[in-house]
C-alpha cells in the first residue's frame, strides 16, 4: 500500500518521519511532499498509486478524486472537509477521516483574544503609543456582565463558551440540540433571532455546508445591536460578508473580528471586509498553534494506522 502526505502540516519534518514509522514498519510505502500545491493535476500526480492520501486544508477537487484511481482513504488534517469534493468521494466509496478536536482550545483562545481586542481597543492603543499619543479615549469595555451569544455549540463553541463564562459573561446559545453539560454551566438556549438581538458579543462556530452557507444573511446581521461585536473564527461563506462590511461602514454594527473569508488568504484588496472600518482581521490562523499542530499531526497519522489495521476512525458521514 502506498500512503502519501501531499503537503506540510505545520510540524517539523523530523516529526513526520517519526509518525510515519508505524506505516513503514507495517510494510507500506510512505511519501511526503514538503511543498503546497493547489494545482489539481499536480495533486493527482502526487496521489498516483496511493490507497491513502493525507492532506490539510488545501482543496482536493473532483478532478483530482477522479484521477486518483487507487484512492480508498482521504485522511484530512483539519476539522472541516468543505474543501474536499465529498460528492465525488461518496460516488467512489472513498472514506474520509478528519481531525476533529485538535484545535478546540486554540480557536477558542483566539476568539477570546479578538473579543478583548475589540473591547479594550488594543489596535488603537498600539497605534497611539507608536504615534506619540496617550490613552485618552481608549478605555474600552469589560467582558464581565455582557451577554455573549454562541452560534453553534459544538466542541469549539463549547470551549469558547467556557472561556467567556470564566470572564464573568452571561452565555446564551443557538444549537440544533441541547447538551446537559451546557445547561449545567448555566448556558441558556435560545432561537437565533433572539440571540442576535440580545447579545453584546456574537461568536460564530458552525461548519460550512449546504445548510449553513449564507446562514448569517443581511437580514440576520441587521438584527444585531449597533453596539455589538461580531466574531467569525468558523468559515467565511457562512456569512454574507458584503452585508457585514456594509453594516460596519454605516455604523449599524460596532466591530467585527474575522479570521475566515470567502477564499483563503491572501485576500484581494477589493474584498469588502478589507475596506470596512472597525475590523480586526487575521489570516485564517485560529487553528494554528504549536500545540494544535502537533495534536493534528498525531491524529491524521493515527487515522491512517487505524485504517491499515482495519478499523477506520474519525470517519465523516458523506
C-alpha atoms as a PDB file:
ATOM      1  CA  UNK A   1       0.000   0.000   0.000  1.00  0.00           C
ATOM      2  CA  UNK A   2       1.209   3.485  -0.838  1.00  0.00           C
ATOM      3  CA  UNK A   3       0.493   6.342   1.566  1.00  0.00           C
ATOM      4  CA  UNK A   4       1.264   9.962   0.656  1.00  0.00           C
ATOM      5  CA  UNK A   5       1.144  13.170   2.670  1.00  0.00           C
ATOM      6  CA  UNK A   6       0.610  15.773  -0.030  1.00  0.00           C
ATOM      7  CA  UNK A   7       1.545  18.939   1.852  1.00  0.00           C
ATOM      8  CA  UNK A   8       3.206  20.221   5.047  1.00  0.00           C
ATOM      9  CA  UNK A   9       1.022  20.065   8.167  1.00  0.00           C
ATOM     10  CA  UNK A  10       2.757  22.549  10.421  1.00  0.00           C
ATOM     11  CA  UNK A  11       5.232  20.282  12.214  1.00  0.00           C
ATOM     12  CA  UNK A  12       8.955  19.641  11.652  1.00  0.00           C
ATOM     13  CA  UNK A  13       9.974  17.014   9.124  1.00  0.00           C
ATOM     14  CA  UNK A  14      11.534  15.051  11.993  1.00  0.00           C
ATOM     15  CA  UNK A  15       8.043  14.693  13.479  1.00  0.00           C
ATOM     16  CA  UNK A  16       6.710  13.475  10.127  1.00  0.00           C
ATOM     17  CA  UNK A  17       9.495  10.877   9.973  1.00  0.00           C
ATOM     18  CA  UNK A  18       8.679   9.682  13.489  1.00  0.00           C
ATOM     19  CA  UNK A  19       4.945   9.476  12.861  1.00  0.00           C
ATOM     20  CA  UNK A  20       5.419   7.642   9.557  1.00  0.00           C
ATOM     21  CA  UNK A  21       7.467   4.836  11.153  1.00  0.00           C
ATOM     22  CA  UNK A  22       4.417   2.695  12.091  1.00  0.00           C
ATOM     23  CA  UNK A  23       3.274   2.846   8.444  1.00  0.00           C
ATOM     24  CA  UNK A  24       6.674   1.761   7.126  1.00  0.00           C
ATOM     25  CA  UNK A  25       7.036  -0.887   9.863  1.00  0.00           C
ATOM     26  CA  UNK A  26       3.733  -2.388   8.692  1.00  0.00           C
ATOM     27  CA  UNK A  27       5.391  -2.893   5.293  1.00  0.00           C
ATOM     28  CA  UNK A  28       3.849   0.053   3.436  1.00  0.00           C
ATOM     29  CA  UNK A  29       5.353   2.838   1.346  1.00  0.00           C
ATOM     30  CA  UNK A  30       5.219   6.397   2.676  1.00  0.00           C
ATOM     31  CA  UNK A  31       5.858   9.547   0.606  1.00  0.00           C
ATOM     32  CA  UNK A  32       5.968  13.103   1.951  1.00  0.00           C
ATOM     33  CA  UNK A  33       5.734  16.296  -0.125  1.00  0.00           C
ATOM     34  CA  UNK A  34       7.104  19.311   1.707  1.00  0.00           C
ATOM     35  CA  UNK A  35       5.562  21.939  -0.598  1.00  0.00           C
ATOM     36  CA  UNK A  36       1.950  23.046  -1.028  1.00  0.00           C
ATOM     37  CA  UNK A  37       0.094  22.999  -4.320  1.00  0.00           C
ATOM     38  CA  UNK A  38      -3.461  23.804  -5.373  1.00  0.00           C
ATOM     39  CA  UNK A  39      -3.000  22.552  -8.942  1.00  0.00           C
ATOM     40  CA  UNK A  40      -5.438  19.647  -9.449  1.00  0.00           C
ATOM     41  CA  UNK A  41      -3.084  17.958 -11.904  1.00  0.00           C
ATOM     42  CA  UNK A  42      -0.141  18.143  -9.514  1.00  0.00           C
ATOM     43  CA  UNK A  43      -2.333  16.843  -6.687  1.00  0.00           C
ATOM     44  CA  UNK A  44      -3.384  13.982  -8.954  1.00  0.00           C
ATOM     45  CA  UNK A  45       0.263  13.244  -9.753  1.00  0.00           C
ATOM     46  CA  UNK A  46       1.106  13.194  -6.047  1.00  0.00           C
ATOM     47  CA  UNK A  47      -1.881  10.890  -5.421  1.00  0.00           C
ATOM     48  CA  UNK A  48      -0.944   8.447  -8.180  1.00  0.00           C
ATOM     49  CA  UNK A  49      -0.905   4.841  -6.975  1.00  0.00           C
ATOM     50  CA  UNK A  50      -1.959   5.832  -3.448  1.00  0.00           C
ATOM     51  CA  UNK A  51      -4.559   3.928  -1.474  1.00  0.00           C
ATOM     52  CA  UNK A  52      -4.244   6.523   1.280  1.00  0.00           C
ATOM     53  CA  UNK A  53      -3.767  10.255   0.802  1.00  0.00           C
ATOM     54  CA  UNK A  54      -3.252  12.763   3.602  1.00  0.00           C
ATOM     55  CA  UNK A  55      -3.989  16.483   3.146  1.00  0.00           C
ATOM     56  CA  UNK A  56      -4.507  19.567   5.310  1.00  0.00           C
ATOM     57  CA  UNK A  57      -6.719  22.487   4.232  1.00  0.00           C
ATOM     58  CA  UNK A  58      -5.727  22.793   0.577  1.00  0.00           C
ATOM     59  CA  UNK A  59      -8.585  21.942  -1.820  1.00  0.00           C
ATOM     60  CA  UNK A  60      -8.893  18.376  -3.080  1.00  0.00           C
ATOM     61  CA  UNK A  61     -11.233  18.816  -6.067  1.00  0.00           C
ATOM     62  CA  UNK A  62     -13.391  16.362  -8.006  1.00  0.00           C
ATOM     63  CA  UNK A  63     -10.881  16.352 -10.876  1.00  0.00           C
ATOM     64  CA  UNK A  64      -8.210  15.033  -8.547  1.00  0.00           C
ATOM     65  CA  UNK A  65     -10.536  12.494  -6.956  1.00  0.00           C
ATOM     66  CA  UNK A  66     -11.385  11.147 -10.419  1.00  0.00           C
ATOM     67  CA  UNK A  67      -7.700  10.825 -11.307  1.00  0.00           C
ATOM     68  CA  UNK A  68      -6.745   9.106  -8.041  1.00  0.00           C
ATOM     69  CA  UNK A  69      -7.836   5.656  -9.237  1.00  0.00           C
ATOM     70  CA  UNK A  70      -6.444   3.701  -6.259  1.00  0.00           C
ATOM     71  CA  UNK A  71      -7.651   6.045  -3.521  1.00  0.00           C
ATOM     72  CA  UNK A  72      -9.560   4.421  -0.652  1.00  0.00           C
ATOM     73  CA  UNK A  73      -8.907   6.770   2.302  1.00  0.00           C
ATOM     74  CA  UNK A  74      -8.520  10.541   2.454  1.00  0.00           C
ATOM     75  CA  UNK A  75      -7.141  11.472   5.886  1.00  0.00           C
ATOM     76  CA  UNK A  76      -7.764  15.192   6.338  1.00  0.00           C
ATOM     77  CA  UNK A  77      -5.640  17.129   8.823  1.00  0.00           C
ATOM     78  CA  UNK A  78      -8.474  19.540   9.506  1.00  0.00           C
ATOM     79  CA  UNK A  79     -11.842  19.641  11.252  1.00  0.00           C
ATOM     80  CA  UNK A  80     -13.971  20.768   8.313  1.00  0.00           C
ATOM     81  CA  UNK A  81     -13.956  18.962   4.987  1.00  0.00           C
ATOM     82  CA  UNK A  82     -15.724  21.591   2.867  1.00  0.00           C
ATOM     83  CA  UNK A  83     -12.521  21.942   0.803  1.00  0.00           C
ATOM     84  CA  UNK A  84     -12.842  18.322  -0.320  1.00  0.00           C
ATOM     85  CA  UNK A  85     -15.032  17.136  -3.221  1.00  0.00           C
ATOM     86  CA  UNK A  86     -17.150  14.991  -0.898  1.00  0.00           C
ATOM     87  CA  UNK A  87     -19.754  14.103  -3.524  1.00  0.00           C
ATOM     88  CA  UNK A  88     -17.048  12.695  -5.776  1.00  0.00           C
ATOM     89  CA  UNK A  89     -15.584  10.755  -2.845  1.00  0.00           C
ATOM     90  CA  UNK A  90     -19.013   9.375  -1.965  1.00  0.00           C
ATOM     91  CA  UNK A  91     -19.566   8.188  -5.539  1.00  0.00           C
ATOM     92  CA  UNK A  92     -16.237   6.368  -5.452  1.00  0.00           C
ATOM     93  CA  UNK A  93     -16.780   4.932  -1.965  1.00  0.00           C
ATOM     94  CA  UNK A  94     -13.734   6.752  -0.630  1.00  0.00           C
ATOM     95  CA  UNK A  95     -13.603   7.055   3.155  1.00  0.00           C
ATOM     96  CA  UNK A  96     -12.808  10.463   4.633  1.00  0.00           C
ATOM     97  CA  UNK A  97     -11.419  10.842   8.148  1.00  0.00           C
ATOM     98  CA  UNK A  98     -10.909  14.210   9.835  1.00  0.00           C
ATOM     99  CA  UNK A  99      -9.077  15.550  12.886  1.00  0.00           C
ATOM    100  CA  UNK A 100     -11.928  16.986  14.923  1.00  0.00           C
ATOM    101  CA  UNK A 101     -10.868  18.287  18.321  1.00  0.00           C
ATOM    102  CA  UNK A 102      -7.262  19.187  17.651  1.00  0.00           C
ATOM    103  CA  UNK A 103      -7.876  22.955  17.576  1.00  0.00           C
ATOM    104  CA  UNK A 104     -10.718  23.423  20.085  1.00  0.00           C
ATOM    105  CA  UNK A 105      -8.584  25.245  22.637  1.00  0.00           C
ATOM    106  CA  UNK A 106      -6.613  27.191  20.051  1.00  0.00           C
ATOM    107  CA  UNK A 107      -9.661  28.542  18.196  1.00  0.00           C
ATOM    108  CA  UNK A 108     -11.434  29.370  21.442  1.00  0.00           C
ATOM    109  CA  UNK A 109      -8.407  31.298  22.709  1.00  0.00           C
ATOM    110  CA  UNK A 110      -8.164  33.416  19.553  1.00  0.00           C
ATOM    111  CA  UNK A 111     -11.878  34.142  19.832  1.00  0.00           C
ATOM    112  CA  UNK A 112     -11.297  35.479  23.349  1.00  0.00           C
ATOM    113  CA  UNK A 113      -8.277  37.426  22.091  1.00  0.00           C
ATOM    114  CA  UNK A 114     -10.459  39.048  19.459  1.00  0.00           C
ATOM    115  CA  UNK A 115     -13.185  39.922  21.958  1.00  0.00           C
ATOM    116  CA  UNK A 116     -10.653  41.532  24.287  1.00  0.00           C
ATOM    117  CA  UNK A 117      -9.028  43.391  21.391  1.00  0.00           C
ATOM    118  CA  UNK A 118     -12.398  44.768  20.306  1.00  0.00           C
ATOM    119  CA  UNK A 119     -13.491  45.723  23.813  1.00  0.00           C
ATOM    120  CA  UNK A 120     -10.175  47.136  25.069  1.00  0.00           C
ATOM    121  CA  UNK A 121      -9.231  48.753  21.756  1.00  0.00           C
ATOM    122  CA  UNK A 122      -5.807  47.166  21.646  1.00  0.00           C
ATOM    123  CA  UNK A 123      -5.217  48.032  17.982  1.00  0.00           C
ATOM    124  CA  UNK A 124      -5.896  51.700  18.685  1.00  0.00           C
ATOM    125  CA  UNK A 125      -3.751  51.537  21.823  1.00  0.00           C
ATOM    126  CA  UNK A 126      -0.777  50.177  19.916  1.00  0.00           C
ATOM    127  CA  UNK A 127      -1.179  52.841  17.244  1.00  0.00           C
ATOM    128  CA  UNK A 128      -1.484  55.583  19.871  1.00  0.00           C
ATOM    129  CA  UNK A 129       1.811  54.661  21.525  1.00  0.00           C
ATOM    130  CA  UNK A 130       3.652  54.454  18.202  1.00  0.00           C
ATOM    131  CA  UNK A 131       2.334  57.838  17.100  1.00  0.00           C
ATOM    132  CA  UNK A 132       3.177  59.617  20.350  1.00  0.00           C
ATOM    133  CA  UNK A 133      -0.395  59.535  21.653  1.00  0.00           C
ATOM    134  CA  UNK A 134      -1.918  58.816  25.053  1.00  0.00           C
ATOM    135  CA  UNK A 135      -4.709  56.645  26.466  1.00  0.00           C
ATOM    136  CA  UNK A 136      -7.282  59.404  26.022  1.00  0.00           C
ATOM    137  CA  UNK A 137     -10.484  57.891  24.646  1.00  0.00           C
ATOM    138  CA  UNK A 138      -9.143  54.330  24.667  1.00  0.00           C
ATOM    139  CA  UNK A 139     -10.678  52.982  27.875  1.00  0.00           C
ATOM    140  CA  UNK A 140     -12.908  50.366  26.313  1.00  0.00           C
ATOM    141  CA  UNK A 141     -15.304  47.949  27.967  1.00  0.00           C
ATOM    142  CA  UNK A 142     -15.247  44.780  30.091  1.00  0.00           C
ATOM    143  CA  UNK A 143     -16.486  41.354  29.024  1.00  0.00           C
ATOM    144  CA  UNK A 144     -17.777  40.668  32.539  1.00  0.00           C
ATOM    145  CA  UNK A 145     -21.512  41.173  32.750  1.00  0.00           C
ATOM    146  CA  UNK A 146     -22.034  41.187  28.994  1.00  0.00           C
ATOM    147  CA  UNK A 147     -24.232  38.726  27.081  1.00  0.00           C
ATOM    148  CA  UNK A 148     -22.286  36.511  24.681  1.00  0.00           C
ATOM    149  CA  UNK A 149     -24.183  34.590  22.011  1.00  0.00           C
ATOM    150  CA  UNK A 150     -22.569  31.416  20.715  1.00  0.00           C
ATOM    151  CA  UNK A 151     -23.927  30.220  17.362  1.00  0.00           C
ATOM    152  CA  UNK A 152     -23.059  26.532  17.160  1.00  0.00           C
ATOM    153  CA  UNK A 153     -22.302  24.800  20.440  1.00  0.00           C
ATOM    154  CA  UNK A 154     -20.074  22.021  19.188  1.00  0.00           C
ATOM    155  CA  UNK A 155     -16.713  21.283  20.775  1.00  0.00           C
ATOM    156  CA  UNK A 156     -15.154  24.604  19.760  1.00  0.00           C
ATOM    157  CA  UNK A 157     -18.283  26.558  20.599  1.00  0.00           C
ATOM    158  CA  UNK A 158     -18.452  24.846  23.983  1.00  0.00           C
ATOM    159  CA  UNK A 159     -14.814  25.597  24.758  1.00  0.00           C
ATOM    160  CA  UNK A 160     -15.360  29.230  23.745  1.00  0.00           C
ATOM    161  CA  UNK A 161     -18.434  29.433  25.965  1.00  0.00           C
ATOM    162  CA  UNK A 162     -16.471  28.123  28.953  1.00  0.00           C
ATOM    163  CA  UNK A 163     -13.788  30.769  28.483  1.00  0.00           C
ATOM    164  CA  UNK A 164     -16.366  33.563  28.245  1.00  0.00           C
ATOM    165  CA  UNK A 165     -18.032  32.231  31.409  1.00  0.00           C
ATOM    166  CA  UNK A 166     -14.660  32.438  33.150  1.00  0.00           C
ATOM    167  CA  UNK A 167     -14.621  36.160  32.312  1.00  0.00           C
ATOM    168  CA  UNK A 168     -17.979  36.605  34.024  1.00  0.00           C
ATOM    169  CA  UNK A 169     -20.133  36.880  30.908  1.00  0.00           C
ATOM    170  CA  UNK A 170     -23.658  35.522  30.530  1.00  0.00           C
ATOM    171  CA  UNK A 171     -23.640  32.978  27.717  1.00  0.00           C
ATOM    172  CA  UNK A 172     -26.610  32.131  25.507  1.00  0.00           C
ATOM    173  CA  UNK A 173     -26.502  29.696  22.613  1.00  0.00           C
ATOM    174  CA  UNK A 174     -28.201  28.653  19.400  1.00  0.00           C
ATOM    175  CA  UNK A 175     -27.683  24.999  18.508  1.00  0.00           C
ATOM    176  CA  UNK A 176     -29.714  22.259  16.852  1.00  0.00           C
ATOM    177  CA  UNK A 177     -29.596  20.132  20.012  1.00  0.00           C
ATOM    178  CA  UNK A 178     -29.231  20.782  23.736  1.00  0.00           C
ATOM    179  CA  UNK A 179     -26.349  19.492  25.822  1.00  0.00           C
ATOM    180  CA  UNK A 180     -26.734  18.686  29.532  1.00  0.00           C
ATOM    181  CA  UNK A 181     -23.157  19.922  30.072  1.00  0.00           C
ATOM    182  CA  UNK A 182     -24.071  23.347  28.715  1.00  0.00           C
ATOM    183  CA  UNK A 183     -27.225  23.617  30.761  1.00  0.00           C
ATOM    184  CA  UNK A 184     -25.303  22.573  33.888  1.00  0.00           C
ATOM    185  CA  UNK A 185     -22.966  25.524  33.301  1.00  0.00           C
ATOM    186  CA  UNK A 186     -25.911  27.906  33.101  1.00  0.00           C
ATOM    187  CA  UNK A 187     -25.782  28.394  29.328  1.00  0.00           C
ATOM    188  CA  UNK A 188     -29.237  29.312  28.077  1.00  0.00           C
ATOM    189  CA  UNK A 189     -30.501  28.051  24.727  1.00  0.00           C
ATOM    190  CA  UNK A 190     -32.497  30.403  22.547  1.00  0.00           C
ATOM    191  CA  UNK A 191     -33.575  30.903  18.944  1.00  0.00           C
ATOM    192  CA  UNK A 192     -31.218  32.597  16.505  1.00  0.00           C
ATOM    193  CA  UNK A 193     -33.117  35.871  16.167  1.00  0.00           C
ATOM    194  CA  UNK A 194     -33.312  36.350  19.938  1.00  0.00           C
ATOM    195  CA  UNK A 195     -29.611  35.610  20.268  1.00  0.00           C
ATOM    196  CA  UNK A 196     -28.715  38.182  17.620  1.00  0.00           C
ATOM    197  CA  UNK A 197     -30.994  40.834  19.097  1.00  0.00           C
ATOM    198  CA  UNK A 198     -29.809  40.477  22.697  1.00  0.00           C
ATOM    199  CA  UNK A 199     -26.092  39.611  22.518  1.00  0.00           C
ATOM    200  CA  UNK A 200     -23.314  42.114  23.122  1.00  0.00           C
ATOM    201  CA  UNK A 201     -20.817  39.732  21.522  1.00  0.00           C
ATOM    202  CA  UNK A 202     -21.806  37.191  18.848  1.00  0.00           C
ATOM    203  CA  UNK A 203     -19.350  34.366  18.133  1.00  0.00           C
ATOM    204  CA  UNK A 204     -19.909  32.028  15.186  1.00  0.00           C
ATOM    205  CA  UNK A 205     -18.908  28.352  15.417  1.00  0.00           C
ATOM    206  CA  UNK A 206     -20.758  26.461  12.678  1.00  0.00           C
ATOM    207  CA  UNK A 207     -19.391  24.154   9.962  1.00  0.00           C
ATOM    208  CA  UNK A 208     -19.643  25.250   6.343  1.00  0.00           C
ATOM    209  CA  UNK A 209     -22.077  23.058   4.444  1.00  0.00           C
ATOM    210  CA  UNK A 210     -25.133  23.292   2.201  1.00  0.00           C
ATOM    211  CA  UNK A 211     -27.364  24.171   5.145  1.00  0.00           C
ATOM    212  CA  UNK A 212     -25.149  26.877   6.633  1.00  0.00           C
ATOM    213  CA  UNK A 213     -23.856  28.690   3.536  1.00  0.00           C
ATOM    214  CA  UNK A 214     -25.094  32.299   3.814  1.00  0.00           C
ATOM    215  CA  UNK A 215     -26.702  31.458   7.167  1.00  0.00           C
ATOM    216  CA  UNK A 216     -25.799  34.852   8.634  1.00  0.00           C
ATOM    217  CA  UNK A 217     -27.541  36.909   5.963  1.00  0.00           C
ATOM    218  CA  UNK A 218     -28.007  40.656   5.625  1.00  0.00           C
ATOM    219  CA  UNK A 219     -31.348  40.273   7.404  1.00  0.00           C
ATOM    220  CA  UNK A 220     -29.733  38.443  10.320  1.00  0.00           C
ATOM    221  CA  UNK A 221     -26.887  40.976  10.550  1.00  0.00           C
ATOM    222  CA  UNK A 222     -29.496  43.751  10.754  1.00  0.00           C
ATOM    223  CA  UNK A 223     -30.912  42.159  13.914  1.00  0.00           C
ATOM    224  CA  UNK A 224     -27.729  42.698  15.913  1.00  0.00           C
ATOM    225  CA  UNK A 225     -27.270  45.595  18.302  1.00  0.00           C
ATOM    226  CA  UNK A 226     -25.422  48.594  16.896  1.00  0.00           C
ATOM    227  CA  UNK A 227     -23.050  48.208  19.859  1.00  0.00           C
ATOM    228  CA  UNK A 228     -22.441  44.501  19.208  1.00  0.00           C
ATOM    229  CA  UNK A 229     -19.146  42.820  18.311  1.00  0.00           C
ATOM    230  CA  UNK A 230     -19.329  40.012  15.736  1.00  0.00           C
ATOM    231  CA  UNK A 231     -16.618  37.323  15.685  1.00  0.00           C
ATOM    232  CA  UNK A 232     -16.138  34.682  12.985  1.00  0.00           C
ATOM    233  CA  UNK A 233     -13.468  32.036  13.531  1.00  0.00           C
ATOM    234  CA  UNK A 234     -15.543  29.351  11.780  1.00  0.00           C
ATOM    235  CA  UNK A 235     -15.948  29.606   7.993  1.00  0.00           C
ATOM    236  CA  UNK A 236     -16.261  32.645   5.751  1.00  0.00           C
ATOM    237  CA  UNK A 237     -19.079  31.524   3.411  1.00  0.00           C
ATOM    238  CA  UNK A 238     -21.467  31.142   6.362  1.00  0.00           C
ATOM    239  CA  UNK A 239     -21.709  34.950   6.440  1.00  0.00           C
ATOM    240  CA  UNK A 240     -22.804  37.499   3.852  1.00  0.00           C
ATOM    241  CA  UNK A 241     -19.528  39.372   4.208  1.00  0.00           C
ATOM    242  CA  UNK A 242     -20.505  42.167   1.837  1.00  0.00           C
ATOM    243  CA  UNK A 243     -23.532  42.860   4.045  1.00  0.00           C
ATOM    244  CA  UNK A 244     -21.330  42.663   7.124  1.00  0.00           C
ATOM    245  CA  UNK A 245     -18.946  45.254   5.664  1.00  0.00           C
ATOM    246  CA  UNK A 246     -21.901  47.483   4.784  1.00  0.00           C
ATOM    247  CA  UNK A 247     -23.229  47.284   8.356  1.00  0.00           C
ATOM    248  CA  UNK A 248     -19.836  48.249   9.750  1.00  0.00           C
ATOM    249  CA  UNK A 249     -19.338  51.139   7.336  1.00  0.00           C
ATOM    250  CA  UNK A 250     -22.801  52.516   8.104  1.00  0.00           C
ATOM    251  CA  UNK A 251     -22.400  52.257  11.903  1.00  0.00           C
ATOM    252  CA  UNK A 252     -25.064  49.580  12.189  1.00  0.00           C
ATOM    253  CA  UNK A 253     -22.572  47.325  13.963  1.00  0.00           C
ATOM    254  CA  UNK A 254     -19.824  48.316  16.379  1.00  0.00           C
ATOM    255  CA  UNK A 255     -16.969  45.968  15.454  1.00  0.00           C
ATOM    256  CA  UNK A 256     -16.146  42.721  13.655  1.00  0.00           C
ATOM    257  CA  UNK A 257     -13.277  40.309  14.250  1.00  0.00           C
ATOM    258  CA  UNK A 258     -12.793  37.996  11.284  1.00  0.00           C
ATOM    259  CA  UNK A 259     -10.382  35.106  10.731  1.00  0.00           C
ATOM    260  CA  UNK A 260     -12.099  33.439   7.757  1.00  0.00           C
ATOM    261  CA  UNK A 261     -13.300  34.707   4.384  1.00  0.00           C
ATOM    262  CA  UNK A 262     -14.913  33.573   1.135  1.00  0.00           C
ATOM    263  CA  UNK A 263     -11.467  32.499  -0.023  1.00  0.00           C
ATOM    264  CA  UNK A 264      -8.183  31.562   1.599  1.00  0.00           C
ATOM    265  CA  UNK A 265      -5.620  34.339   2.195  1.00  0.00           C
ATOM    266  CA  UNK A 266      -4.082  36.296   0.613  1.00  0.00           C
ATOM    267  CA  UNK A 267      -7.330  38.296   0.479  1.00  0.00           C
ATOM    268  CA  UNK A 268      -7.860  40.566  -2.563  1.00  0.00           C
ATOM    269  CA  UNK A 269      -7.565  44.288  -1.843  1.00  0.00           C
ATOM    270  CA  UNK A 270     -11.094  44.910  -3.154  1.00  0.00           C
ATOM    271  CA  UNK A 271     -12.715  42.340  -0.838  1.00  0.00           C
ATOM    272  CA  UNK A 272     -15.447  44.190   1.125  1.00  0.00           C
ATOM    273  CA  UNK A 273     -14.059  43.476   4.605  1.00  0.00           C
ATOM    274  CA  UNK A 274     -10.618  44.759   3.589  1.00  0.00           C
ATOM    275  CA  UNK A 275     -12.093  48.247   3.288  1.00  0.00           C
ATOM    276  CA  UNK A 276     -14.581  48.046   6.156  1.00  0.00           C
ATOM    277  CA  UNK A 277     -13.970  50.153   9.234  1.00  0.00           C
ATOM    278  CA  UNK A 278     -13.888  48.865  12.810  1.00  0.00           C
ATOM    279  CA  UNK A 279     -12.460  45.469  11.937  1.00  0.00           C
ATOM    280  CA  UNK A 280      -9.768  43.181  13.314  1.00  0.00           C
ATOM    281  CA  UNK A 281      -8.713  40.796  10.524  1.00  0.00           C
ATOM    282  CA  UNK A 282      -6.460  37.757  10.859  1.00  0.00           C
ATOM    283  CA  UNK A 283      -5.272  35.412   8.045  1.00  0.00           C
ATOM    284  CA  UNK A 284      -7.126  32.189   8.924  1.00  0.00           C
ATOM    285  CA  UNK A 285      -4.858  31.419  11.854  1.00  0.00           C
ATOM    286  CA  UNK A 286      -7.341  30.498  14.601  1.00  0.00           C
ATOM    287  CA  UNK A 287      -6.499  26.799  14.314  1.00  0.00           C
ATOM    288  CA  UNK A 288      -2.734  27.329  14.364  1.00  0.00           C
ATOM    289  CA  UNK A 289      -0.601  26.920  17.468  1.00  0.00           C
ATOM    290  CA  UNK A 290       2.399  24.721  18.185  1.00  0.00           C
ATOM    291  CA  UNK A 291       0.289  22.517  20.415  1.00  0.00           C
ATOM    292  CA  UNK A 292      -2.607  22.235  17.964  1.00  0.00           C
ATOM    293  CA  UNK A 293      -0.338  21.400  15.026  1.00  0.00           C
ATOM    294  CA  UNK A 294       1.258  18.553  16.961  1.00  0.00           C
ATOM    295  CA  UNK A 295      -2.148  17.221  18.052  1.00  0.00           C
ATOM    296  CA  UNK A 296      -3.350  17.436  14.461  1.00  0.00           C
ATOM    297  CA  UNK A 297      -0.323  15.586  13.085  1.00  0.00           C
ATOM    298  CA  UNK A 298      -0.759  12.765  15.567  1.00  0.00           C
ATOM    299  CA  UNK A 299      -4.472  12.387  14.792  1.00  0.00           C
ATOM    300  CA  UNK A 300      -4.096  12.440  10.997  1.00  0.00           C
ATOM    301  CA  UNK A 301      -1.468   9.678  11.205  1.00  0.00           C
ATOM    302  CA  UNK A 302      -3.487   7.712  13.769  1.00  0.00           C
ATOM    303  CA  UNK A 303      -6.352   7.758  11.274  1.00  0.00           C
ATOM    304  CA  UNK A 304      -4.057   6.031   8.791  1.00  0.00           C
ATOM    305  CA  UNK A 305      -2.849   3.457  11.337  1.00  0.00           C
ATOM    306  CA  UNK A 306      -6.473   2.652  12.194  1.00  0.00           C
ATOM    307  CA  UNK A 307      -7.387   2.243   8.515  1.00  0.00           C
ATOM    308  CA  UNK A 308      -4.424  -0.063   7.879  1.00  0.00           C
ATOM    309  CA  UNK A 309      -5.414  -2.133  10.905  1.00  0.00           C
ATOM    310  CA  UNK A 310      -8.957  -2.498   9.574  1.00  0.00           C
ATOM    311  CA  UNK A 311     -10.927  -0.194  11.841  1.00  0.00           C
ATOM    312  CA  UNK A 312     -11.117   3.317  10.377  1.00  0.00           C
ATOM    313  CA  UNK A 313     -11.696   6.119  12.883  1.00  0.00           C
ATOM    314  CA  UNK A 314     -12.960   9.702  12.780  1.00  0.00           C
ATOM    315  CA  UNK A 315     -14.921   8.773   9.672  1.00  0.00           C
ATOM    316  CA  UNK A 316     -17.084  11.536   8.260  1.00  0.00           C
ATOM    317  CA  UNK A 317     -20.634  10.872   7.123  1.00  0.00           C
ATOM    318  CA  UNK A 318     -20.965  11.816   3.443  1.00  0.00           C
END
